[in-house]
C-alpha atoms as a PDB file:
ATOM      1  CA  MET A   1       3.232  20.279  13.309  1.00  0.00           C
ATOM      2  CA  SER A   2       2.293  23.836  13.485  1.00  0.00           C
ATOM      3  CA  GLU A   3      -1.307  25.297  13.251  1.00  0.00           C
ATOM      4  CA  GLY A   4      -2.327  25.312   9.709  1.00  0.00           C
ATOM      5  CA  ASP A   5      -0.328  22.403   8.692  1.00  0.00           C
ATOM      6  CA  GLU A   6      -2.089  19.406   7.080  1.00  0.00           C
ATOM      7  CA  PRO A   7      -0.663  15.790   7.874  1.00  0.00           C
ATOM      8  CA  ALA A   8       1.280  14.414   5.012  1.00  0.00           C
ATOM      9  CA  THR A   9       0.644  11.311   2.828  1.00  0.00           C
ATOM     10  CA  VAL A  10       3.453   8.822   3.431  1.00  0.00           C
ATOM     11  CA  VAL A  11       4.259   5.801   0.748  1.00  0.00           C
ATOM     12  CA  ARG A  12       6.313   2.928   1.818  1.00  0.00           C
ATOM     13  CA  GLU A  13       7.392  -0.147  -0.328  1.00  0.00           C
ATOM     14  CA  ILE A  14       6.745  -3.271   1.493  1.00  0.00           C
ATOM     15  CA  LEU A  15      10.009  -5.165   1.204  1.00  0.00           C
ATOM     16  CA  ASN A  16       8.820  -8.462   2.422  1.00  0.00           C
ATOM     17  CA  TYR A  17       5.330  -8.642   0.837  1.00  0.00           C
ATOM     18  CA  PHE A  18       4.433 -12.093  -0.479  1.00  0.00           C
ATOM     19  CA  GLY A  19       1.483 -11.557  -2.482  1.00  0.00           C
ATOM     20  CA  LYS A  20       0.680 -12.674  -6.023  1.00  0.00           C
ATOM     21  CA  CYS A  21      -0.980 -11.181  -8.924  1.00  0.00           C
ATOM     22  CA  PRO A  22      -4.706 -12.301  -8.978  1.00  0.00           C
ATOM     23  CA  ALA A  23      -4.829 -11.837 -12.981  1.00  0.00           C
ATOM     24  CA  CYS A  24      -1.780 -13.914 -13.816  1.00  0.00           C
ATOM     25  CA  GLY A  25      -0.294 -15.530 -10.744  1.00  0.00           C
ATOM     26  CA  TYR A  26       3.052 -13.771 -10.970  1.00  0.00           C
ATOM     27  CA  PRO A  27       4.420 -12.262  -7.737  1.00  0.00           C
ATOM     28  CA  ALA A  28       3.513  -8.577  -6.804  1.00  0.00           C
ATOM     29  CA  ARG A  29       4.899  -5.592  -5.290  1.00  0.00           C
ATOM     30  CA  ALA A  30       3.370  -3.655  -2.725  1.00  0.00           C
ATOM     31  CA  THR A  31       3.170  -0.203  -0.911  1.00  0.00           C
ATOM     32  CA  GLU A  32       1.581   1.003   2.312  1.00  0.00           C
ATOM     33  CA  VAL A  33       0.155   4.524   1.778  1.00  0.00           C
ATOM     34  CA  SER A  34      -0.945   6.223   5.052  1.00  0.00           C
ATOM     35  CA  ALA A  35      -2.999   9.324   4.630  1.00  0.00           C
ATOM     36  CA  PRO A  36      -5.302  11.529   6.558  1.00  0.00           C
ATOM     37  CA  SER A  37      -9.124  10.921   5.882  1.00  0.00           C
ATOM     38  CA  VAL A  38     -10.839  13.950   4.512  1.00  0.00           C
ATOM     39  CA  ARG A  39     -13.872  13.446   6.637  1.00  0.00           C
ATOM     40  CA  THR A  40     -12.257  12.648  10.130  1.00  0.00           C
ATOM     41  CA  GLY A  41      -8.580  13.565   9.843  1.00  0.00           C
ATOM     42  CA  GLU A  42      -7.573  10.187  11.201  1.00  0.00           C
ATOM     43  CA  VAL A  43      -4.775   8.405   9.481  1.00  0.00           C
ATOM     44  CA  VAL A  44      -6.057   5.762   6.861  1.00  0.00           C
ATOM     45  CA  VAL A  45      -3.627   3.050   5.960  1.00  0.00           C
ATOM     46  CA  THR A  46      -4.089   1.187   2.608  1.00  0.00           C
ATOM     47  CA  ILE A  47      -1.921  -1.532   0.871  1.00  0.00           C
ATOM     48  CA  SER A  48      -1.659  -1.397  -2.683  1.00  0.00           C
ATOM     49  CA  ALA A  49      -0.097  -4.004  -4.925  1.00  0.00           C
ATOM     50  CA  THR A  50       1.135  -3.945  -8.642  1.00  0.00           C
ATOM     51  CA  CYS A  51       2.010  -6.920 -10.791  1.00  0.00           C
ATOM     52  CA  ASP A  52       5.685  -7.356 -11.502  1.00  0.00           C
ATOM     53  CA  LEU A  53       4.884  -8.432 -14.927  1.00  0.00           C
ATOM     54  CA  PRO A  54       3.341  -5.941 -17.675  1.00  0.00           C
ATOM     55  CA  CYS A  55      -0.171  -7.524 -17.381  1.00  0.00           C
ATOM     56  CA  GLY A  56      -1.180  -4.288 -15.900  1.00  0.00           C
ATOM     57  CA  TRP A  57      -3.050  -5.392 -12.952  1.00  0.00           C
ATOM     58  CA  SER A  58      -3.017  -3.091  -9.688  1.00  0.00           C
ATOM     59  CA  GLY A  59      -5.283  -2.827  -6.684  1.00  0.00           C
ATOM     60  CA  VAL A  60      -5.703  -2.687  -3.113  1.00  0.00           C
ATOM     61  CA  VAL A  61      -4.941  -6.003  -1.154  1.00  0.00           C
ATOM     62  CA  PRO A  62      -4.541  -7.489   2.259  1.00  0.00           C
ATOM     63  CA  ARG A  63      -1.046  -7.227   3.909  1.00  0.00           C
ATOM     64  CA  THR A  64       0.623 -10.605   3.065  1.00  0.00           C
ATOM     65  CA  ILE A  65       4.147 -10.793   4.378  1.00  0.00           C
ATOM     66  CA  MET A  66       6.796 -13.310   4.975  1.00  0.00           C
ATOM     67  CA  THR A  67       8.238 -12.253   8.062  1.00  0.00           C
ATOM     68  CA  ARG A  68       7.137 -10.708  11.176  1.00  0.00           C
ATOM     69  CA  ARG A  69       7.435  -6.767  11.881  1.00  0.00           C
END
């Protein structure tokens, strides 16, 4: 990275995510978002999930996977 460049936000789908929607209980999809903190510049990782049904739920969740990394 050259001087003046800012770290990019990276979004990855978690293919082995095993969480369920807390609203309806249906399986959910999850993504891992890595982004630099505005205050410290350190990379912050957030796991966000969305219901696979159209109930509309989405939110930040703990990493729940079926297999090891």
